[in-house]
N, C-alpha and C. Protein backbone atom coordinates (compact mmCIF):
# COMPACT_ATOMS: atom_id res chain seq x y z
N UNK A 1 -42.09 83.44 20.98
CA UNK A 1 -42.04 84.87 20.75
C UNK A 1 -40.98 85.53 21.63
N UNK A 2 -40.86 85.05 22.86
CA UNK A 2 -39.90 85.66 23.77
C UNK A 2 -38.49 85.47 23.25
N UNK A 3 -38.19 84.28 22.71
CA UNK A 3 -36.86 84.03 22.18
C UNK A 3 -36.57 84.94 21.00
N UNK A 4 -37.54 85.13 20.15
CA UNK A 4 -37.35 85.99 18.98
C UNK A 4 -37.08 87.42 19.43
N UNK A 5 -37.84 87.90 20.40
CA UNK A 5 -37.61 89.25 20.90
C UNK A 5 -36.22 89.37 21.52
N UNK A 6 -35.82 88.35 22.27
CA UNK A 6 -34.50 88.36 22.89
C UNK A 6 -33.42 88.38 21.83
N UNK A 7 -33.58 87.55 20.80
CA UNK A 7 -32.59 87.51 19.73
C UNK A 7 -32.54 88.86 19.02
N UNK A 8 -33.70 89.44 18.74
CA UNK A 8 -33.73 90.74 18.07
C UNK A 8 -33.11 91.82 18.95
N UNK A 9 -33.34 91.73 20.26
CA UNK A 9 -32.76 92.71 21.18
C UNK A 9 -31.25 92.58 21.19
N UNK A 10 -30.76 91.33 21.23
CA UNK A 10 -29.32 91.10 21.20
C UNK A 10 -28.76 91.55 19.87
N UNK A 11 -29.49 91.26 18.80
CA UNK A 11 -29.04 91.65 17.46
C UNK A 11 -28.93 93.15 17.35
N UNK A 12 -29.93 93.87 17.85
CA UNK A 12 -29.86 95.33 17.73
C UNK A 12 -28.74 95.89 18.58
N UNK A 13 -28.49 95.30 19.74
CA UNK A 13 -27.39 95.75 20.58
C UNK A 13 -26.06 95.46 19.90
N UNK A 14 -25.92 94.25 19.34
CA UNK A 14 -24.70 93.86 18.65
C UNK A 14 -24.49 94.72 17.42
N UNK A 15 -25.57 94.93 16.66
CA UNK A 15 -25.46 95.73 15.44
C UNK A 15 -25.08 97.17 15.77
N UNK A 16 -25.61 97.71 16.84
CA UNK A 16 -25.30 99.09 17.20
C UNK A 16 -23.83 99.22 17.58
N UNK A 17 -23.30 98.19 18.30
CA UNK A 17 -21.91 98.29 18.73
C UNK A 17 -20.96 98.01 17.58
N UNK A 18 -21.33 97.13 16.67
CA UNK A 18 -20.41 96.78 15.59
C UNK A 18 -20.60 97.64 14.36
N UNK A 19 -21.69 98.39 14.26
CA UNK A 19 -21.95 99.21 13.07
C UNK A 19 -21.97 100.69 13.41
N UNK A 20 -21.21 101.11 14.36
CA UNK A 20 -21.12 102.51 14.69
C UNK A 20 -22.38 103.08 15.30
N UNK A 21 -23.19 102.26 15.93
CA UNK A 21 -24.39 102.75 16.60
C UNK A 21 -25.59 102.88 15.69
N UNK A 22 -25.49 102.41 14.47
CA UNK A 22 -26.61 102.50 13.53
C UNK A 22 -27.39 101.20 13.54
N UNK A 23 -28.59 101.14 14.20
CA UNK A 23 -29.32 99.89 14.31
C UNK A 23 -29.85 99.40 12.97
N UNK A 24 -30.00 100.25 11.97
CA UNK A 24 -30.54 99.84 10.68
C UNK A 24 -29.48 99.14 9.83
N UNK A 25 -28.19 99.21 10.20
CA UNK A 25 -27.13 98.64 9.38
C UNK A 25 -27.12 97.12 9.41
N UNK A 26 -27.58 96.49 10.50
CA UNK A 26 -27.60 95.04 10.60
C UNK A 26 -28.98 94.51 10.25
N UNK A 27 -29.02 93.23 9.89
CA UNK A 27 -30.31 92.63 9.57
C UNK A 27 -30.42 91.29 10.27
N UNK A 28 -31.63 90.75 10.36
CA UNK A 28 -31.77 89.43 10.98
C UNK A 28 -30.96 88.36 10.25
N UNK A 29 -30.73 88.53 8.95
CA UNK A 29 -29.92 87.57 8.21
C UNK A 29 -28.46 87.63 8.66
N UNK A 30 -27.96 88.87 8.92
CA UNK A 30 -26.61 89.01 9.45
C UNK A 30 -26.49 88.31 10.79
N UNK A 31 -27.51 88.49 11.62
CA UNK A 31 -27.50 87.85 12.94
C UNK A 31 -27.51 86.34 12.79
N UNK A 32 -28.33 85.82 11.89
CA UNK A 32 -28.39 84.37 11.68
C UNK A 32 -27.05 83.84 11.20
N UNK A 33 -26.41 84.58 10.29
CA UNK A 33 -25.10 84.15 9.78
C UNK A 33 -24.06 84.17 10.89
N UNK A 34 -24.05 85.24 11.70
CA UNK A 34 -23.10 85.31 12.81
C UNK A 34 -23.37 84.22 13.83
N UNK A 35 -24.63 83.96 14.11
CA UNK A 35 -25.00 82.91 15.06
C UNK A 35 -24.53 81.56 14.55
N UNK A 36 -24.70 81.31 13.25
CA UNK A 36 -24.26 80.05 12.67
C UNK A 36 -22.74 79.92 12.74
N UNK A 37 -22.03 81.00 12.45
CA UNK A 37 -20.56 80.97 12.53
C UNK A 37 -20.11 80.70 13.96
N UNK A 38 -20.77 81.34 14.92
CA UNK A 38 -20.42 81.12 16.33
C UNK A 38 -20.70 79.68 16.73
N UNK A 39 -21.80 79.14 16.25
CA UNK A 39 -22.16 77.76 16.56
C UNK A 39 -21.13 76.80 15.95
N UNK A 40 -20.72 77.09 14.71
CA UNK A 40 -19.70 76.26 14.06
C UNK A 40 -18.37 76.35 14.80
N UNK A 41 -17.99 77.56 15.20
CA UNK A 41 -16.75 77.74 15.95
C UNK A 41 -16.80 76.99 17.28
N UNK A 42 -17.95 77.03 17.93
CA UNK A 42 -18.10 76.32 19.20
C UNK A 42 -17.98 74.81 18.99
N UNK A 43 -18.55 74.29 17.90
CA UNK A 43 -18.45 72.86 17.61
C UNK A 43 -17.00 72.46 17.37
N UNK A 44 -16.25 73.29 16.66
CA UNK A 44 -14.84 73.01 16.41
C UNK A 44 -14.05 73.03 17.71
N UNK A 45 -14.33 74.00 18.56
CA UNK A 45 -13.64 74.08 19.85
C UNK A 45 -13.95 72.86 20.73
N UNK A 46 -15.21 72.43 20.72
CA UNK A 46 -15.57 71.24 21.51
C UNK A 46 -14.84 70.02 20.99
N UNK A 47 -14.78 69.86 19.64
CA UNK A 47 -14.08 68.71 19.06
C UNK A 47 -12.60 68.75 19.43
N UNK A 48 -11.98 69.93 19.32
CA UNK A 48 -10.57 70.06 19.67
C UNK A 48 -10.32 69.75 21.14
N UNK A 49 -11.24 70.18 21.99
CA UNK A 49 -11.11 69.90 23.41
C UNK A 49 -11.18 68.40 23.69
N UNK A 50 -12.07 67.69 22.99
CA UNK A 50 -12.17 66.24 23.16
C UNK A 50 -10.89 65.56 22.71
N UNK A 51 -10.33 66.01 21.59
CA UNK A 51 -9.10 65.41 21.08
C UNK A 51 -7.96 65.66 22.06
N UNK A 52 -7.86 66.88 22.56
CA UNK A 52 -6.78 67.21 23.49
C UNK A 52 -6.93 66.48 24.82
N UNK A 53 -8.17 66.33 25.28
CA UNK A 53 -8.37 65.66 26.57
C UNK A 53 -8.13 64.17 26.48
N UNK A 54 -8.23 63.60 25.27
CA UNK A 54 -7.98 62.17 25.10
C UNK A 54 -6.49 61.86 25.26
N UNK A 55 -5.63 62.83 24.97
CA UNK A 55 -4.20 62.63 25.08
C UNK A 55 -3.66 61.83 23.92
N UNK A 56 -2.36 61.58 23.92
CA UNK A 56 -1.77 60.84 22.82
C UNK A 56 -2.21 59.38 22.84
N UNK A 57 -2.28 58.79 21.67
CA UNK A 57 -2.64 57.38 21.58
C UNK A 57 -1.51 56.55 22.15
N UNK A 58 -1.86 55.51 22.89
CA UNK A 58 -0.85 54.69 23.55
C UNK A 58 -0.68 53.39 22.79
N UNK A 59 0.52 52.83 22.91
CA UNK A 59 0.77 51.52 22.33
C UNK A 59 0.17 50.46 23.26
N UNK A 60 -0.02 49.23 22.77
CA UNK A 60 -0.58 48.18 23.63
C UNK A 60 0.25 48.03 24.90
N UNK A 61 -0.43 47.93 26.01
CA UNK A 61 0.26 47.92 27.30
C UNK A 61 -0.23 46.78 28.17
N UNK A 62 0.54 46.54 29.21
CA UNK A 62 0.11 45.59 30.22
C UNK A 62 -0.90 46.29 31.13
N UNK A 63 -1.50 45.58 32.09
CA UNK A 63 -2.51 46.21 32.94
C UNK A 63 -2.00 47.41 33.74
N UNK A 64 -0.70 47.54 33.88
CA UNK A 64 -0.15 48.63 34.67
C UNK A 64 0.19 49.86 33.82
N UNK A 65 -0.09 49.81 32.52
CA UNK A 65 0.10 50.97 31.67
C UNK A 65 1.45 51.06 30.99
N UNK A 66 2.28 50.04 31.07
CA UNK A 66 3.58 50.06 30.42
C UNK A 66 3.61 48.96 29.36
N UNK A 67 4.31 49.19 28.23
CA UNK A 67 4.40 48.13 27.22
C UNK A 67 5.12 46.91 27.80
N UNK A 68 4.59 45.74 27.52
CA UNK A 68 5.19 44.51 28.03
C UNK A 68 6.43 44.13 27.23
N UNK A 69 6.43 44.41 25.93
CA UNK A 69 7.55 44.08 25.06
C UNK A 69 8.11 45.36 24.45
N UNK A 70 9.43 45.43 24.38
CA UNK A 70 10.09 46.62 23.86
C UNK A 70 10.89 46.29 22.61
N UNK A 71 10.95 47.22 21.68
CA UNK A 71 11.87 47.09 20.55
C UNK A 71 13.28 47.28 21.10
N UNK A 72 14.27 46.97 20.27
CA UNK A 72 15.66 47.15 20.70
C UNK A 72 15.91 48.62 21.02
N UNK A 73 15.35 49.51 20.21
CA UNK A 73 15.53 50.95 20.45
C UNK A 73 14.87 51.37 21.77
N UNK A 74 13.67 50.85 22.02
CA UNK A 74 12.97 51.19 23.26
C UNK A 74 13.68 50.59 24.48
N UNK A 75 14.20 49.37 24.33
CA UNK A 75 14.95 48.75 25.43
C UNK A 75 16.22 49.55 25.70
N UNK A 76 16.87 50.02 24.64
CA UNK A 76 18.08 50.84 24.81
C UNK A 76 17.73 52.13 25.54
N UNK A 77 16.63 52.75 25.17
CA UNK A 77 16.21 53.98 25.85
C UNK A 77 15.85 53.69 27.30
N UNK A 78 15.17 52.56 27.54
CA UNK A 78 14.75 52.18 28.89
C UNK A 78 15.97 51.97 29.79
N UNK A 79 17.00 51.32 29.25
CA UNK A 79 18.21 51.04 30.04
C UNK A 79 19.26 52.16 29.90
N UNK A 80 18.99 53.14 29.05
CA UNK A 80 19.91 54.25 28.79
C UNK A 80 21.27 53.77 28.31
N UNK A 81 21.21 52.86 27.33
CA UNK A 81 22.42 52.36 26.67
C UNK A 81 22.19 52.45 25.17
N UNK A 82 23.19 52.04 24.40
CA UNK A 82 23.05 52.09 22.94
C UNK A 82 22.29 50.86 22.42
N UNK A 83 21.77 51.01 21.22
CA UNK A 83 21.08 49.92 20.55
C UNK A 83 22.06 48.77 20.28
N UNK A 84 23.29 49.12 19.94
CA UNK A 84 24.33 48.12 19.67
C UNK A 84 24.60 47.27 20.91
N UNK A 85 24.64 47.90 22.08
CA UNK A 85 24.87 47.16 23.32
C UNK A 85 23.68 46.22 23.59
N UNK A 86 22.48 46.66 23.28
CA UNK A 86 21.30 45.79 23.48
C UNK A 86 21.46 44.52 22.64
N UNK A 87 21.84 44.68 21.36
CA UNK A 87 22.01 43.50 20.52
C UNK A 87 23.17 42.63 21.01
N UNK A 88 24.23 43.24 21.53
CA UNK A 88 25.34 42.47 22.09
C UNK A 88 24.89 41.68 23.32
N UNK A 89 24.09 42.30 24.17
CA UNK A 89 23.57 41.61 25.36
C UNK A 89 22.63 40.47 24.97
N UNK A 90 21.84 40.68 23.94
CA UNK A 90 20.95 39.62 23.46
C UNK A 90 21.77 38.46 22.91
N UNK A 91 22.79 38.78 22.10
CA UNK A 91 23.63 37.74 21.50
C UNK A 91 24.37 36.94 22.56
N UNK A 92 24.85 37.60 23.62
CA UNK A 92 25.56 36.90 24.69
C UNK A 92 24.61 36.24 25.69
N UNK A 93 23.32 36.39 25.46
CA UNK A 93 22.26 35.82 26.30
C UNK A 93 22.23 36.40 27.71
N UNK A 94 22.79 37.57 27.87
CA UNK A 94 22.68 38.27 29.16
C UNK A 94 21.33 38.96 29.29
N UNK A 95 20.71 39.23 28.13
CA UNK A 95 19.40 39.88 28.10
C UNK A 95 18.46 39.01 27.28
N UNK A 96 17.39 38.57 27.92
CA UNK A 96 16.42 37.71 27.22
C UNK A 96 15.65 38.50 26.18
N UNK A 97 15.25 37.79 25.13
CA UNK A 97 14.42 38.40 24.09
C UNK A 97 13.53 37.33 23.48
N UNK A 98 12.55 37.75 22.74
CA UNK A 98 11.63 36.83 22.08
C UNK A 98 11.48 37.25 20.62
N UNK A 99 11.13 36.27 19.80
CA UNK A 99 10.83 36.55 18.40
C UNK A 99 9.33 36.48 18.20
N UNK A 100 8.79 37.48 17.55
CA UNK A 100 7.39 37.46 17.14
C UNK A 100 7.42 37.61 15.63
N UNK A 101 7.23 36.49 14.94
CA UNK A 101 7.46 36.50 13.50
C UNK A 101 8.94 36.71 13.28
N UNK A 102 9.30 37.76 12.58
CA UNK A 102 10.71 38.08 12.39
C UNK A 102 11.15 39.26 13.26
N UNK A 103 10.26 39.75 14.09
CA UNK A 103 10.56 40.91 14.94
C UNK A 103 11.09 40.46 16.30
N UNK A 104 12.24 40.98 16.68
CA UNK A 104 12.81 40.67 17.98
C UNK A 104 12.34 41.71 18.98
N UNK A 105 11.84 41.23 20.12
CA UNK A 105 11.37 42.11 21.18
C UNK A 105 12.01 41.70 22.50
N UNK A 106 12.19 42.70 23.35
CA UNK A 106 12.79 42.47 24.67
C UNK A 106 11.70 42.69 25.70
N UNK A 107 11.38 41.65 26.50
CA UNK A 107 10.38 41.87 27.55
C UNK A 107 10.90 42.89 28.57
N UNK A 108 10.00 43.75 29.01
CA UNK A 108 10.39 44.75 30.00
C UNK A 108 10.93 44.07 31.27
N UNK A 109 10.33 42.95 31.64
CA UNK A 109 10.80 42.24 32.84
C UNK A 109 12.22 41.72 32.65
N UNK A 110 12.62 41.43 31.39
CA UNK A 110 14.00 41.00 31.13
C UNK A 110 14.97 42.15 31.38
N UNK A 111 14.56 43.36 31.01
CA UNK A 111 15.39 44.54 31.29
C UNK A 111 15.54 44.73 32.80
N UNK A 112 14.42 44.59 33.50
CA UNK A 112 14.45 44.74 34.96
C UNK A 112 15.31 43.66 35.61
N UNK A 113 15.21 42.42 35.09
CA UNK A 113 16.02 41.32 35.63
C UNK A 113 17.50 41.55 35.35
N UNK A 114 17.82 42.09 34.18
CA UNK A 114 19.22 42.39 33.85
C UNK A 114 19.79 43.42 34.83
N UNK A 115 19.03 44.46 35.11
CA UNK A 115 19.48 45.49 36.06
C UNK A 115 19.62 44.89 37.45
N UNK A 116 18.66 44.05 37.85
CA UNK A 116 18.74 43.40 39.17
C UNK A 116 19.98 42.52 39.26
N UNK A 117 20.32 41.81 38.17
CA UNK A 117 21.53 40.98 38.14
C UNK A 117 22.79 41.83 38.27
N UNK A 118 22.81 42.99 37.62
CA UNK A 118 23.97 43.88 37.75
C UNK A 118 24.13 44.36 39.18
N UNK A 119 22.99 44.65 39.81
CA UNK A 119 23.05 45.14 41.20
C UNK A 119 23.51 44.03 42.14
N UNK A 120 23.02 42.80 41.92
CA UNK A 120 23.44 41.67 42.75
C UNK A 120 24.95 41.41 42.58
N UNK A 121 25.43 41.50 41.35
CA UNK A 121 26.86 41.25 41.08
C UNK A 121 27.70 42.33 41.78
N UNK A 122 27.20 43.55 41.79
CA UNK A 122 27.93 44.66 42.44
C UNK A 122 27.95 44.44 43.95
N UNK A 123 26.84 43.99 44.50
CA UNK A 123 26.77 43.78 45.96
C UNK A 123 27.68 42.65 46.40
N UNK A 124 27.78 41.59 45.60
CA UNK A 124 28.59 40.44 45.99
C UNK A 124 30.09 40.67 45.75
N UNK A 125 30.41 41.67 44.97
CA UNK A 125 31.85 41.93 44.67
C UNK A 125 32.54 42.68 45.78
């Protein structure tokens, strides 16, 4: 009974403010419909919040959160060079790569080793 009285009290207050102060203009059905709409809106907001808090979906990664194998495009972006240069480095065997089926992938560690080799060559020169 207390909840019903509270709801009716809130309804009459809401109806008075939204209907120009006329408490007879609103009905319990209007309140139920508004309550249902608010509940639905809240459910949508909660769902959206869960989706946003999950963040973008990630590709398969190693335990440290980085992809272990890169496409030629990703390797080019990682090394900040062109895709053509990546394929040239693979062809000259300066950059290691692996085949998975017909897909060529460059291990991230191969990119790191290539950069380390460039730095060693610079230091020794």
